[in-house]
Amino acid sequence: MNNSPVLAVRDLKVHFPLARRWFGAPRIVHAVDGISFEIGRGRTLGIVGESGSGKTTAALAAMRLLDITSGEMSLMGEDIGRLSGTALRRVRRRIQMIFQDPYSALNPRTRARDLVREPLDLMDLGSAAEREARVKELFTQVGLRPDQMGLYPHQFSGGQRQRLGIARALSTRPDVIVCDEPVSALDVSIQAQILNLLVKLQSEYGLSYLFISHDLGVVQHICDDIAVMYLGQIVERASRETLFENPLHPYTWALISAVPRLGRRRRGSDRLRVTGDPPSPIDPPKGCRFASRCPFAIERCRAEAPALRALTAGHTVRCHLVPDSGEVSHRPQL
């Protein structure tokens, strides 16, 4: 059995230079600052974090929709980090994306049939008859009717438009689908339908998902493994079960403590409240990037950047206060 990852990212950095001022050194936004992860066949990796953490930038870089500053990316063992032109176009059929907003991701002047078929046309996959048959098949697979193929996007509901986006992403039979907050713009009742559809399609086709979200409740439902990002870095990574049962980083505690629990009334003292704003990604601090907002930070946290350490198989954390044993005494009740 081949256990090689479908998508592997090593020390990925995505930096954006800003316009030079009259005086002073060039300024650079450290949007993604050295992250690594792997996704196995048929598995889902979730990347979570608040706005500005770099998770969407990481997803766009994995899609090669953004140029990377440094690092390595491989898809099915093939280095894709430096591809361009025809070579990149050839690889694109194997990694596709579902965008956040189904209202703006679809061309309002294009019929649904042509929206789903467009990737096949652009990549010249199959004959005209085969493409038409593929589109009809995809409509059925995502829960739309073939008689809706001639409609325009405004004639669909929000959930139906996201189903169109899913069909479009599936059209080239990809190995990996990057899901950039695919349900955040939908009603809660529709969110569950779309998530269940993604799970069903993954089971049928062995798809691998890179799932970007700020909603830990959604991530807990669909992801096998979870990476928590803060200010361009991964601060904790673990399996879904481990992360929710034994979170180690204070930022992870804050995220989990903010998630409502059905049937459990949480006292205000049970929540880890994070105050203040994150530091600037233009000039990140030399120590821990969470130190200025962490209620447990000590002087070492402000002076020395912590490394991402593996404590057990599959569980890594970036925090000076977590011992190698993984036993922390100051964690609040979650």
C-alpha atoms as a PDB file:
ATOM      1  CA  MET A   1       0.000   0.000   0.000  1.00  0.00           C
ATOM      2  CA  ASN A   2       1.345   3.441  -0.954  1.00  0.00           C
ATOM      3  CA  ASN A   3       1.352   5.724   2.095  1.00  0.00           C
ATOM      4  CA  SER A   4       2.937   8.682   0.304  1.00  0.00           C
ATOM      5  CA  PRO A   5       1.087  11.971   0.823  1.00  0.00           C
ATOM      6  CA  VAL A   6      -1.012  13.290  -2.030  1.00  0.00           C
ATOM      7  CA  LEU A   7      -0.020  16.878  -1.222  1.00  0.00           C
ATOM      8  CA  ALA A   8       3.120  17.734   0.756  1.00  0.00           C
ATOM      9  CA  VAL A   9       4.208  21.249   1.725  1.00  0.00           C
ATOM     10  CA  ARG A  10       7.600  21.985   3.294  1.00  0.00           C
ATOM     11  CA  ASP A  11       8.589  25.291   4.929  1.00  0.00           C
ATOM     12  CA  LEU A  12       6.255  27.334   2.725  1.00  0.00           C
ATOM     13  CA  LYS A  13       6.707  31.091   2.842  1.00  0.00           C
ATOM     14  CA  VAL A  14       4.596  33.677   1.056  1.00  0.00           C
ATOM     15  CA  HIS A  15       5.806  37.251   1.563  1.00  0.00           C
ATOM     16  CA  PHE A  16       4.393  40.362  -0.080  1.00  0.00           C
ATOM     17  CA  PRO A  17       6.692  43.392  -0.568  1.00  0.00           C
ATOM     18  CA  LEU A  18       5.088  46.757   0.095  1.00  0.00           C
ATOM     19  CA  ALA A  19       5.818  49.995  -1.714  1.00  0.00           C
ATOM     20  CA  ARG A  20       9.113  51.434  -0.545  1.00  0.00           C
ATOM     21  CA  ARG A  21       8.972  54.562   1.553  1.00  0.00           C
ATOM     22  CA  TRP A  22      11.253  57.492   0.895  1.00  0.00           C
ATOM     23  CA  PHE A  23      13.388  56.470   3.839  1.00  0.00           C
ATOM     24  CA  GLY A  24      13.933  53.188   5.632  1.00  0.00           C
ATOM     25  CA  ALA A  25      14.254  49.538   4.733  1.00  0.00           C
ATOM     26  CA  PRO A  26      11.782  47.789   2.389  1.00  0.00           C
ATOM     27  CA  ARG A  27       8.676  46.541   4.169  1.00  0.00           C
ATOM     28  CA  ILE A  28       7.442  42.975   3.731  1.00  0.00           C
ATOM     29  CA  VAL A  29       4.177  41.333   4.811  1.00  0.00           C
ATOM     30  CA  HIS A  30       4.965  37.873   6.230  1.00  0.00           C
ATOM     31  CA  ALA A  31       1.591  36.377   5.277  1.00  0.00           C
ATOM     32  CA  VAL A  32       2.758  32.755   5.478  1.00  0.00           C
ATOM     33  CA  ASP A  33       6.031  32.269   7.287  1.00  0.00           C
ATOM     34  CA  GLY A  34       7.324  28.720   7.103  1.00  0.00           C
ATOM     35  CA  ILE A  35       4.519  26.153   7.363  1.00  0.00           C
ATOM     36  CA  SER A  36       4.667  22.440   6.595  1.00  0.00           C
ATOM     37  CA  PHE A  37       1.899  19.847   6.251  1.00  0.00           C
ATOM     38  CA  GLU A  38       0.895  16.686   4.416  1.00  0.00           C
ATOM     39  CA  ILE A  39      -2.444  15.317   3.237  1.00  0.00           C
ATOM     40  CA  GLY A  40      -2.941  11.606   2.645  1.00  0.00           C
ATOM     41  CA  ARG A  41      -5.220   9.966   0.109  1.00  0.00           C
ATOM     42  CA  GLY A  42      -8.869  10.268   1.123  1.00  0.00           C
ATOM     43  CA  ARG A  43      -8.123  12.483   4.126  1.00  0.00           C
ATOM     44  CA  THR A  44      -9.027  16.044   5.050  1.00  0.00           C
ATOM     45  CA  LEU A  45      -6.654  18.521   6.638  1.00  0.00           C
ATOM     46  CA  GLY A  46      -8.283  21.565   8.180  1.00  0.00           C
ATOM     47  CA  ILE A  47      -6.420  24.838   8.625  1.00  0.00           C
ATOM     48  CA  VAL A  48      -8.097  27.116  11.166  1.00  0.00           C
ATOM     49  CA  GLY A  49      -7.397  30.547  12.572  1.00  0.00           C
ATOM     50  CA  GLU A  50      -8.826  34.025  12.828  1.00  0.00           C
ATOM     51  CA  SER A  51      -8.870  36.508   9.956  1.00  0.00           C
ATOM     52  CA  GLY A  52      -5.349  37.529   9.010  1.00  0.00           C
ATOM     53  CA  SER A  53      -3.737  34.301  10.217  1.00  0.00           C
ATOM     54  CA  GLY A  54      -2.614  33.394   6.682  1.00  0.00           C
ATOM     55  CA  LYS A  55      -4.796  30.345   6.111  1.00  0.00           C
ATOM     56  CA  THR A  56      -6.374  31.542   2.845  1.00  0.00           C
ATOM     57  CA  THR A  57      -2.998  32.720   1.550  1.00  0.00           C
ATOM     58  CA  ALA A  58      -1.658  29.219   2.258  1.00  0.00           C
ATOM     59  CA  ALA A  59      -4.563  27.704   0.311  1.00  0.00           C
ATOM     60  CA  LEU A  60      -4.038  29.993  -2.683  1.00  0.00           C
ATOM     61  CA  ALA A  61      -0.329  29.193  -2.659  1.00  0.00           C
ATOM     62  CA  ALA A  62      -1.078  25.462  -2.599  1.00  0.00           C
ATOM     63  CA  MET A  63      -3.253  26.045  -5.679  1.00  0.00           C
ATOM     64  CA  ARG A  64      -0.377  28.004  -7.246  1.00  0.00           C
ATOM     65  CA  LEU A  65      -2.692  30.994  -7.585  1.00  0.00           C
ATOM     66  CA  LEU A  66      -0.045  32.941  -5.670  1.00  0.00           C
ATOM     67  CA  ASP A  67       3.686  32.867  -6.207  1.00  0.00           C
ATOM     68  CA  ILE A  68       5.608  31.353  -3.304  1.00  0.00           C
ATOM     69  CA  THR A  69       8.599  33.097  -1.777  1.00  0.00           C
ATOM     70  CA  SER A  70      10.354  29.900  -0.712  1.00  0.00           C
ATOM     71  CA  GLY A  71       9.642  26.321   0.280  1.00  0.00           C
ATOM     72  CA  GLU A  72       8.646  23.147  -1.500  1.00  0.00           C
ATOM     73  CA  MET A  73       5.307  21.723  -2.642  1.00  0.00           C
ATOM     74  CA  SER A  74       4.723  18.342  -4.227  1.00  0.00           C
ATOM     75  CA  LEU A  75       1.546  16.847  -5.659  1.00  0.00           C
ATOM     76  CA  MET A  76       1.580  13.057  -5.990  1.00  0.00           C
ATOM     77  CA  GLY A  77       5.373  13.222  -5.673  1.00  0.00           C
ATOM     78  CA  GLU A  78       5.796  15.859  -8.405  1.00  0.00           C
ATOM     79  CA  ASP A  79       7.398  19.176  -7.474  1.00  0.00           C
ATOM     80  CA  ILE A  80       4.839  21.881  -8.305  1.00  0.00           C
ATOM     81  CA  GLY A  81       6.343  24.782  -6.380  1.00  0.00           C
ATOM     82  CA  ARG A  82       8.240  26.231  -9.345  1.00  0.00           C
ATOM     83  CA  LEU A  83       6.077  25.153 -12.281  1.00  0.00           C
ATOM     84  CA  SER A  84       4.767  27.723 -14.718  1.00  0.00           C
ATOM     85  CA  GLY A  85       3.142  27.943 -18.118  1.00  0.00           C
ATOM     86  CA  THR A  86       2.137  24.700 -19.804  1.00  0.00           C
ATOM     87  CA  ALA A  87       3.589  22.514 -17.034  1.00  0.00           C
ATOM     88  CA  LEU A  88       1.505  24.278 -14.384  1.00  0.00           C
ATOM     89  CA  ARG A  89      -1.577  24.105 -16.589  1.00  0.00           C
ATOM     90  CA  ARG A  90      -1.116  20.333 -16.894  1.00  0.00           C
ATOM     91  CA  VAL A  91      -0.984  19.932 -13.109  1.00  0.00           C
ATOM     92  CA  ARG A  92      -4.019  22.147 -12.479  1.00  0.00           C
ATOM     93  CA  ARG A  93      -6.423  19.384 -13.482  1.00  0.00           C
ATOM     94  CA  ARG A  94      -5.235  17.400 -10.428  1.00  0.00           C
ATOM     95  CA  ILE A  95      -5.820  20.135  -7.831  1.00  0.00           C
ATOM     96  CA  GLN A  96      -8.983  22.234  -7.915  1.00  0.00           C
ATOM     97  CA  MET A  97     -10.663  24.747  -5.623  1.00  0.00           C
ATOM     98  CA  ILE A  98     -14.075  25.496  -4.140  1.00  0.00           C
ATOM     99  CA  PHE A  99     -14.315  29.197  -3.341  1.00  0.00           C
ATOM    100  CA  GLN A 100     -15.898  30.841  -0.331  1.00  0.00           C
ATOM    101  CA  ASP A 101     -18.630  32.917  -1.904  1.00  0.00           C
ATOM    102  CA  PRO A 102     -20.885  31.114  -4.386  1.00  0.00           C
ATOM    103  CA  TYR A 103     -22.431  34.465  -5.326  1.00  0.00           C
ATOM    104  CA  SER A 104     -19.227  36.006  -6.690  1.00  0.00           C
ATOM    105  CA  ALA A 105     -17.342  32.863  -7.772  1.00  0.00           C
ATOM    106  CA  LEU A 106     -19.640  32.199 -10.757  1.00  0.00           C
ATOM    107  CA  ASN A 107     -19.906  34.334 -13.866  1.00  0.00           C
ATOM    108  CA  PRO A 108     -23.494  35.667 -13.820  1.00  0.00           C
ATOM    109  CA  ARG A 109     -23.624  35.798 -17.631  1.00  0.00           C
ATOM    110  CA  THR A 110     -22.709  32.151 -18.163  1.00  0.00           C
ATOM    111  CA  ARG A 111     -25.161  29.271 -18.083  1.00  0.00           C
ATOM    112  CA  ALA A 112     -24.684  26.581 -15.449  1.00  0.00           C
ATOM    113  CA  ARG A 113     -23.790  23.956 -18.075  1.00  0.00           C
ATOM    114  CA  ASP A 114     -20.933  26.085 -19.390  1.00  0.00           C
ATOM    115  CA  LEU A 115     -19.677  27.002 -15.909  1.00  0.00           C
ATOM    116  CA  VAL A 116     -19.188  23.342 -15.036  1.00  0.00           C
ATOM    117  CA  ARG A 117     -17.826  22.476 -18.449  1.00  0.00           C
ATOM    118  CA  GLU A 118     -15.331  25.358 -18.615  1.00  0.00           C
ATOM    119  CA  PRO A 119     -12.406  23.539 -16.912  1.00  0.00           C
ATOM    120  CA  LEU A 120     -12.796  20.660 -19.377  1.00  0.00           C
ATOM    121  CA  ASP A 121     -12.707  23.087 -22.290  1.00  0.00           C
ATOM    122  CA  LEU A 122      -9.719  25.010 -20.971  1.00  0.00           C
ATOM    123  CA  MET A 123      -7.714  21.836 -20.406  1.00  0.00           C
ATOM    124  CA  ASP A 124      -8.972  20.139 -23.565  1.00  0.00           C
ATOM    125  CA  LEU A 125     -10.194  17.029 -21.741  1.00  0.00           C
ATOM    126  CA  GLY A 126     -12.341  14.634 -23.778  1.00  0.00           C
ATOM    127  CA  SER A 127     -14.453  15.141 -26.871  1.00  0.00           C
ATOM    128  CA  ALA A 128     -17.395  17.543 -27.022  1.00  0.00           C
ATOM    129  CA  ALA A 129     -19.846  14.680 -26.448  1.00  0.00           C
ATOM    130  CA  GLU A 130     -17.807  13.343 -23.519  1.00  0.00           C
ATOM    131  CA  ARG A 131     -17.705  16.775 -21.923  1.00  0.00           C
ATOM    132  CA  GLU A 132     -21.463  17.182 -22.226  1.00  0.00           C
ATOM    133  CA  ALA A 133     -22.015  13.739 -20.689  1.00  0.00           C
ATOM    134  CA  ARG A 134     -19.597  14.587 -17.883  1.00  0.00           C
ATOM    135  CA  VAL A 135     -21.479  17.776 -17.062  1.00  0.00           C
ATOM    136  CA  LYS A 136     -24.802  15.925 -16.888  1.00  0.00           C
ATOM    137  CA  GLU A 137     -23.217  13.274 -14.648  1.00  0.00           C
ATOM    138  CA  LEU A 138     -21.800  15.943 -12.324  1.00  0.00           C
ATOM    139  CA  PHE A 139     -25.154  17.697 -11.957  1.00  0.00           C
ATOM    140  CA  THR A 140     -26.651  14.450 -10.703  1.00  0.00           C
ATOM    141  CA  GLN A 141     -23.717  13.728  -8.387  1.00  0.00           C
ATOM    142  CA  VAL A 142     -23.959  17.063  -6.584  1.00  0.00           C
ATOM    143  CA  GLY A 143     -27.732  16.974  -6.204  1.00  0.00           C
ATOM    144  CA  LEU A 144     -28.800  19.194  -9.092  1.00  0.00           C
ATOM    145  CA  ARG A 145     -31.200  18.265 -11.897  1.00  0.00           C
ATOM    146  CA  PRO A 146     -30.006  17.978 -15.510  1.00  0.00           C
ATOM    147  CA  ASP A 147     -32.898  20.225 -16.566  1.00  0.00           C
ATOM    148  CA  GLN A 148     -31.229  23.042 -14.599  1.00  0.00           C
ATOM    149  CA  MET A 149     -28.160  23.013 -16.847  1.00  0.00           C
ATOM    150  CA  GLY A 150     -29.488  25.867 -19.002  1.00  0.00           C
ATOM    151  CA  LEU A 151     -30.153  28.227 -16.073  1.00  0.00           C
ATOM    152  CA  TYR A 152     -28.043  31.197 -15.028  1.00  0.00           C
ATOM    153  CA  PRO A 153     -26.456  31.491 -11.539  1.00  0.00           C
ATOM    154  CA  HIS A 154     -29.042  34.044 -10.295  1.00  0.00           C
ATOM    155  CA  GLN A 155     -31.730  31.409 -10.835  1.00  0.00           C
ATOM    156  CA  PHE A 156     -30.171  29.143  -8.185  1.00  0.00           C
ATOM    157  CA  SER A 157     -30.247  29.430  -4.407  1.00  0.00           C
ATOM    158  CA  GLY A 158     -27.014  29.961  -2.448  1.00  0.00           C
ATOM    159  CA  GLY A 159     -26.677  26.275  -1.632  1.00  0.00           C
ATOM    160  CA  GLN A 160     -27.335  25.304  -5.239  1.00  0.00           C
ATOM    161  CA  ARG A 161     -24.676  27.749  -6.433  1.00  0.00           C
ATOM    162  CA  GLN A 162     -22.165  26.128  -4.119  1.00  0.00           C
ATOM    163  CA  ARG A 163     -23.165  22.750  -5.564  1.00  0.00           C
ATOM    164  CA  LEU A 164     -22.322  24.226  -8.972  1.00  0.00           C
ATOM    165  CA  GLY A 165     -18.933  25.234  -7.591  1.00  0.00           C
ATOM    166  CA  ILE A 166     -18.376  21.701  -6.307  1.00  0.00           C
ATOM    167  CA  ALA A 167     -19.366  20.205  -9.671  1.00  0.00           C
ATOM    168  CA  ARG A 168     -16.967  22.563 -11.414  1.00  0.00           C
ATOM    169  CA  ALA A 169     -14.136  21.524  -9.069  1.00  0.00           C
ATOM    170  CA  LEU A 170     -14.901  17.830  -9.664  1.00  0.00           C
ATOM    171  CA  SER A 171     -15.043  18.097 -13.445  1.00  0.00           C
ATOM    172  CA  THR A 172     -11.352  17.334 -14.093  1.00  0.00           C
ATOM    173  CA  ARG A 173     -11.303  14.383 -11.645  1.00  0.00           C
ATOM    174  CA  PRO A 174      -8.754  15.987  -9.304  1.00  0.00           C
ATOM    175  CA  ASP A 175      -6.745  14.295  -6.564  1.00  0.00           C
ATOM    176  CA  VAL A 176      -6.964  17.285  -4.194  1.00  0.00           C
ATOM    177  CA  ILE A 177      -9.676  19.892  -3.705  1.00  0.00           C
ATOM    178  CA  VAL A 178      -8.882  23.059  -1.781  1.00  0.00           C
ATOM    179  CA  CYS A 179     -11.993  24.233   0.076  1.00  0.00           C
ATOM    180  CA  ASP A 180     -11.702  27.896   1.085  1.00  0.00           C
ATOM    181  CA  GLU A 181     -14.421  28.390   3.712  1.00  0.00           C
ATOM    182  CA  PRO A 182     -16.952  26.728   1.377  1.00  0.00           C
ATOM    183  CA  VAL A 183     -19.942  27.035   3.735  1.00  0.00           C
ATOM    184  CA  SER A 184     -19.315  30.302   5.599  1.00  0.00           C
ATOM    185  CA  ALA A 185     -21.574  32.308   3.249  1.00  0.00           C
ATOM    186  CA  LEU A 186     -24.493  29.849   3.580  1.00  0.00           C
ATOM    187  CA  ASP A 187     -27.345  29.442   6.049  1.00  0.00           C
ATOM    188  CA  VAL A 188     -26.646  26.972   8.848  1.00  0.00           C
ATOM    189  CA  SER A 189     -29.200  24.448   7.559  1.00  0.00           C
ATOM    190  CA  ILE A 190     -27.614  24.541   4.099  1.00  0.00           C
ATOM    191  CA  GLN A 191     -24.099  24.269   5.557  1.00  0.00           C
ATOM    192  CA  ALA A 192     -24.865  20.783   6.851  1.00  0.00           C
ATOM    193  CA  GLN A 193     -26.118  19.666   3.431  1.00  0.00           C
ATOM    194  CA  ILE A 194     -22.964  20.896   1.673  1.00  0.00           C
ATOM    195  CA  LEU A 195     -20.658  19.346   4.277  1.00  0.00           C
ATOM    196  CA  ASN A 196     -22.444  16.007   3.985  1.00  0.00           C
ATOM    197  CA  LEU A 197     -22.139  16.204   0.206  1.00  0.00           C
ATOM    198  CA  LEU A 198     -18.389  16.787   0.476  1.00  0.00           C
ATOM    199  CA  VAL A 199     -18.042  13.782   2.809  1.00  0.00           C
ATOM    200  CA  LYS A 200     -20.056  11.614   0.414  1.00  0.00           C
ATOM    201  CA  LEU A 201     -17.985  12.617  -2.613  1.00  0.00           C
ATOM    202  CA  GLN A 202     -14.750  12.041  -0.708  1.00  0.00           C
ATOM    203  CA  SER A 203     -15.855   8.535   0.202  1.00  0.00           C
ATOM    204  CA  GLU A 204     -16.864   7.723  -3.374  1.00  0.00           C
ATOM    205  CA  TYR A 205     -13.780   9.089  -5.141  1.00  0.00           C
ATOM    206  CA  GLY A 206     -11.004   8.987  -2.548  1.00  0.00           C
ATOM    207  CA  LEU A 207     -10.597  12.762  -2.690  1.00  0.00           C
ATOM    208  CA  SER A 208      -8.193  14.641  -0.451  1.00  0.00           C
ATOM    209  CA  TYR A 209      -9.335  17.989   0.934  1.00  0.00           C
ATOM    210  CA  LEU A 210      -7.426  21.005   2.217  1.00  0.00           C
ATOM    211  CA  PHE A 211     -10.208  22.661   4.206  1.00  0.00           C
ATOM    212  CA  ILE A 212      -9.829  26.294   5.251  1.00  0.00           C
ATOM    213  CA  SER A 213     -12.152  27.622   7.958  1.00  0.00           C
ATOM    214  CA  HIS A 214     -12.461  29.891  10.974  1.00  0.00           C
ATOM    215  CA  ASP A 215     -15.318  27.749  12.351  1.00  0.00           C
ATOM    216  CA  LEU A 216     -14.094  24.953  14.610  1.00  0.00           C
ATOM    217  CA  GLY A 217     -17.558  23.404  14.697  1.00  0.00           C
ATOM    218  CA  VAL A 218     -17.439  22.886  10.924  1.00  0.00           C
ATOM    219  CA  VAL A 219     -13.850  21.633  11.073  1.00  0.00           C
ATOM    220  CA  GLN A 220     -14.705  19.124  13.794  1.00  0.00           C
ATOM    221  CA  HIS A 221     -17.417  17.691  11.561  1.00  0.00           C
ATOM    222  CA  ILE A 222     -15.412  17.135   8.381  1.00  0.00           C
ATOM    223  CA  CYS A 223     -11.641  17.099   9.061  1.00  0.00           C
ATOM    224  CA  ASP A 224      -9.368  14.187   9.964  1.00  0.00           C
ATOM    225  CA  ASP A 225      -6.407  16.370  10.958  1.00  0.00           C
ATOM    226  CA  ILE A 226      -6.272  20.021  11.998  1.00  0.00           C
ATOM    227  CA  ALA A 227      -3.557  22.673  11.862  1.00  0.00           C
ATOM    228  CA  VAL A 228      -4.059  25.876  13.851  1.00  0.00           C
ATOM    229  CA  MET A 229      -2.488  28.989  12.287  1.00  0.00           C
ATOM    230  CA  TYR A 230      -1.625  32.265  13.963  1.00  0.00           C
ATOM    231  CA  LEU A 231       0.104  35.178  12.257  1.00  0.00           C
ATOM    232  CA  GLY A 232       1.534  33.117   9.405  1.00  0.00           C
ATOM    233  CA  GLN A 233       2.703  30.109  11.426  1.00  0.00           C
ATOM    234  CA  ILE A 234       1.237  26.783  12.496  1.00  0.00           C
ATOM    235  CA  VAL A 235       1.092  26.804  16.307  1.00  0.00           C
ATOM    236  CA  GLU A 236      -0.466  23.358  16.779  1.00  0.00           C
ATOM    237  CA  ARG A 237      -1.254  20.358  14.591  1.00  0.00           C
ATOM    238  CA  ALA A 238      -2.970  17.108  15.581  1.00  0.00           C
ATOM    239  CA  SER A 239      -5.692  14.667  14.646  1.00  0.00           C
ATOM    240  CA  ARG A 240      -9.247  15.922  15.156  1.00  0.00           C
ATOM    241  CA  GLU A 241      -9.783  13.718  18.204  1.00  0.00           C
ATOM    242  CA  THR A 242      -6.502  14.721  19.821  1.00  0.00           C
ATOM    243  CA  LEU A 243      -6.918  18.421  19.176  1.00  0.00           C
ATOM    244  CA  PHE A 244     -10.360  18.628  20.756  1.00  0.00           C
ATOM    245  CA  GLU A 245      -9.627  16.238  23.626  1.00  0.00           C
ATOM    246  CA  ASN A 246      -6.123  17.476  24.476  1.00  0.00           C
ATOM    247  CA  PRO A 247      -5.360  20.922  23.004  1.00  0.00           C
ATOM    248  CA  LEU A 248      -1.983  22.244  24.125  1.00  0.00           C
ATOM    249  CA  HIS A 249      -1.469  25.750  22.739  1.00  0.00           C
ATOM    250  CA  PRO A 250      -3.215  28.663  24.518  1.00  0.00           C
ATOM    251  CA  TYR A 251      -4.448  30.026  21.201  1.00  0.00           C
ATOM    252  CA  THR A 252      -6.103  26.678  20.459  1.00  0.00           C
ATOM    253  CA  TRP A 253      -7.708  26.804  23.907  1.00  0.00           C
ATOM    254  CA  ALA A 254      -9.134  30.226  23.117  1.00  0.00           C
ATOM    255  CA  LEU A 255     -10.599  29.004  19.819  1.00  0.00           C
ATOM    256  CA  ILE A 256     -12.140  25.875  21.348  1.00  0.00           C
ATOM    257  CA  SER A 257     -13.511  27.662  24.408  1.00  0.00           C
ATOM    258  CA  ALA A 258     -15.416  30.020  22.092  1.00  0.00           C
ATOM    259  CA  VAL A 259     -17.302  27.140  20.427  1.00  0.00           C
ATOM    260  CA  PRO A 260     -20.842  26.691  21.828  1.00  0.00           C
ATOM    261  CA  ARG A 261     -21.437  23.242  23.311  1.00  0.00           C
ATOM    262  CA  LEU A 262     -24.907  21.727  22.982  1.00  0.00           C
ATOM    263  CA  GLY A 263     -26.356  20.688  26.330  1.00  0.00           C
ATOM    264  CA  ARG A 264     -23.541  22.297  28.308  1.00  0.00           C
ATOM    265  CA  ARG A 265     -23.698  25.689  29.907  1.00  0.00           C
ATOM    266  CA  ARG A 266     -20.300  27.307  30.009  1.00  0.00           C
ATOM    267  CA  ARG A 267     -19.492  29.744  32.795  1.00  0.00           C
ATOM    268  CA  GLY A 268     -17.673  32.931  31.880  1.00  0.00           C
ATOM    269  CA  SER A 269     -14.699  31.738  33.925  1.00  0.00           C
ATOM    270  CA  ASP A 270     -14.415  28.647  31.704  1.00  0.00           C
ATOM    271  CA  ARG A 271     -13.558  30.715  28.639  1.00  0.00           C
ATOM    272  CA  LEU A 272     -10.056  31.776  27.763  1.00  0.00           C
ATOM    273  CA  ARG A 273     -10.566  35.298  26.528  1.00  0.00           C
ATOM    274  CA  VAL A 274      -7.951  36.757  24.199  1.00  0.00           C
ATOM    275  CA  THR A 275      -7.750  40.538  24.215  1.00  0.00           C
ATOM    276  CA  GLY A 276      -5.978  42.956  21.926  1.00  0.00           C
ATOM    277  CA  ASP A 277      -5.040  42.648  18.274  1.00  0.00           C
ATOM    278  CA  PRO A 278      -2.447  40.372  16.666  1.00  0.00           C
ATOM    279  CA  PRO A 279       0.973  41.923  16.002  1.00  0.00           C
ATOM    280  CA  SER A 280       1.635  43.331  12.544  1.00  0.00           C
ATOM    281  CA  PRO A 281       2.678  40.764   9.922  1.00  0.00           C
ATOM    282  CA  ILE A 282       4.953  43.469   8.538  1.00  0.00           C
ATOM    283  CA  ASP A 283       7.069  43.448  11.696  1.00  0.00           C
ATOM    284  CA  PRO A 284       6.369  40.210  13.605  1.00  0.00           C
ATOM    285  CA  PRO A 285       7.845  39.994  17.120  1.00  0.00           C
ATOM    286  CA  LYS A 286      11.128  38.173  17.681  1.00  0.00           C
ATOM    287  CA  GLY A 287       9.605  35.903  20.325  1.00  0.00           C
ATOM    288  CA  CYS A 288       6.333  33.964  20.315  1.00  0.00           C
ATOM    289  CA  ARG A 289       3.860  35.703  18.030  1.00  0.00           C
ATOM    290  CA  PHE A 290       1.028  35.048  20.459  1.00  0.00           C
ATOM    291  CA  ALA A 291       2.875  36.313  23.542  1.00  0.00           C
ATOM    292  CA  SER A 292       1.346  39.810  23.534  1.00  0.00           C
ATOM    293  CA  ARG A 293      -2.153  38.297  23.853  1.00  0.00           C
ATOM    294  CA  CYS A 294      -1.387  35.181  25.908  1.00  0.00           C
ATOM    295  CA  PRO A 295      -2.369  35.390  29.608  1.00  0.00           C
ATOM    296  CA  PHE A 296       0.314  32.813  30.505  1.00  0.00           C
ATOM    297  CA  ALA A 297       3.289  34.373  28.677  1.00  0.00           C
ATOM    298  CA  ILE A 298       6.606  34.685  30.493  1.00  0.00           C
ATOM    299  CA  GLU A 299       9.706  36.672  29.601  1.00  0.00           C
ATOM    300  CA  ARG A 300      11.144  33.820  27.539  1.00  0.00           C
ATOM    301  CA  CYS A 301       8.036  33.889  25.347  1.00  0.00           C
ATOM    302  CA  ARG A 302       8.710  37.511  24.411  1.00  0.00           C
ATOM    303  CA  ALA A 303      12.429  37.044  23.843  1.00  0.00           C
ATOM    304  CA  GLU A 304      12.744  33.672  22.092  1.00  0.00           C
ATOM    305  CA  ALA A 305      10.695  32.249  19.228  1.00  0.00           C
ATOM    306  CA  PRO A 306       9.445  28.739  20.086  1.00  0.00           C
ATOM    307  CA  ALA A 307      10.038  25.871  17.662  1.00  0.00           C
ATOM    308  CA  LEU A 308       7.275  23.612  16.402  1.00  0.00           C
ATOM    309  CA  ARG A 309       7.936  20.455  18.436  1.00  0.00           C
ATOM    310  CA  ALA A 310       6.574  16.942  17.968  1.00  0.00           C
ATOM    311  CA  LEU A 311       5.425  15.687  21.381  1.00  0.00           C
ATOM    312  CA  THR A 312       3.763  12.488  20.199  1.00  0.00           C
ATOM    313  CA  ALA A 313       3.189  10.918  16.809  1.00  0.00           C
ATOM    314  CA  GLY A 314       1.034  13.390  14.903  1.00  0.00           C
ATOM    315  CA  HIS A 315       0.802  16.039  17.631  1.00  0.00           C
ATOM    316  CA  THR A 316       3.050  19.098  17.343  1.00  0.00           C
ATOM    317  CA  VAL A 317       2.944  22.402  19.213  1.00  0.00           C
ATOM    318  CA  ARG A 318       4.791  25.723  19.140  1.00  0.00           C
ATOM    319  CA  CYS A 319       4.888  26.836  22.798  1.00  0.00           C
ATOM    320  CA  HIS A 320       7.609  27.199  25.450  1.00  0.00           C
ATOM    321  CA  LEU A 321       5.137  26.468  28.244  1.00  0.00           C
ATOM    322  CA  VAL A 322       4.213  22.979  27.038  1.00  0.00           C
ATOM    323  CA  PRO A 323       6.651  20.365  28.395  1.00  0.00           C
ATOM    324  CA  ASP A 324       7.793  17.401  26.328  1.00  0.00           C
ATOM    325  CA  SER A 325       5.368  15.233  28.309  1.00  0.00           C
ATOM    326  CA  GLY A 326       2.447  17.285  27.004  1.00  0.00           C
ATOM    327  CA  GLU A 327       1.104  17.701  30.540  1.00  0.00           C
ATOM    328  CA  VAL A 328      -0.049  21.277  31.165  1.00  0.00           C
ATOM    329  CA  SER A 329      -1.424  22.359  34.517  1.00  0.00           C
ATOM    330  CA  HIS A 330      -2.682  25.842  33.662  1.00  0.00           C
ATOM    331  CA  ARG A 331      -5.225  24.937  30.961  1.00  0.00           C
ATOM    332  CA  PRO A 332      -8.748  26.248  31.617  1.00  0.00           C
ATOM    333  CA  GLN A 333     -11.781  23.977  31.684  1.00  0.00           C
ATOM    334  CA  LEU A 334     -12.835  23.456  28.046  1.00  0.00           C
END
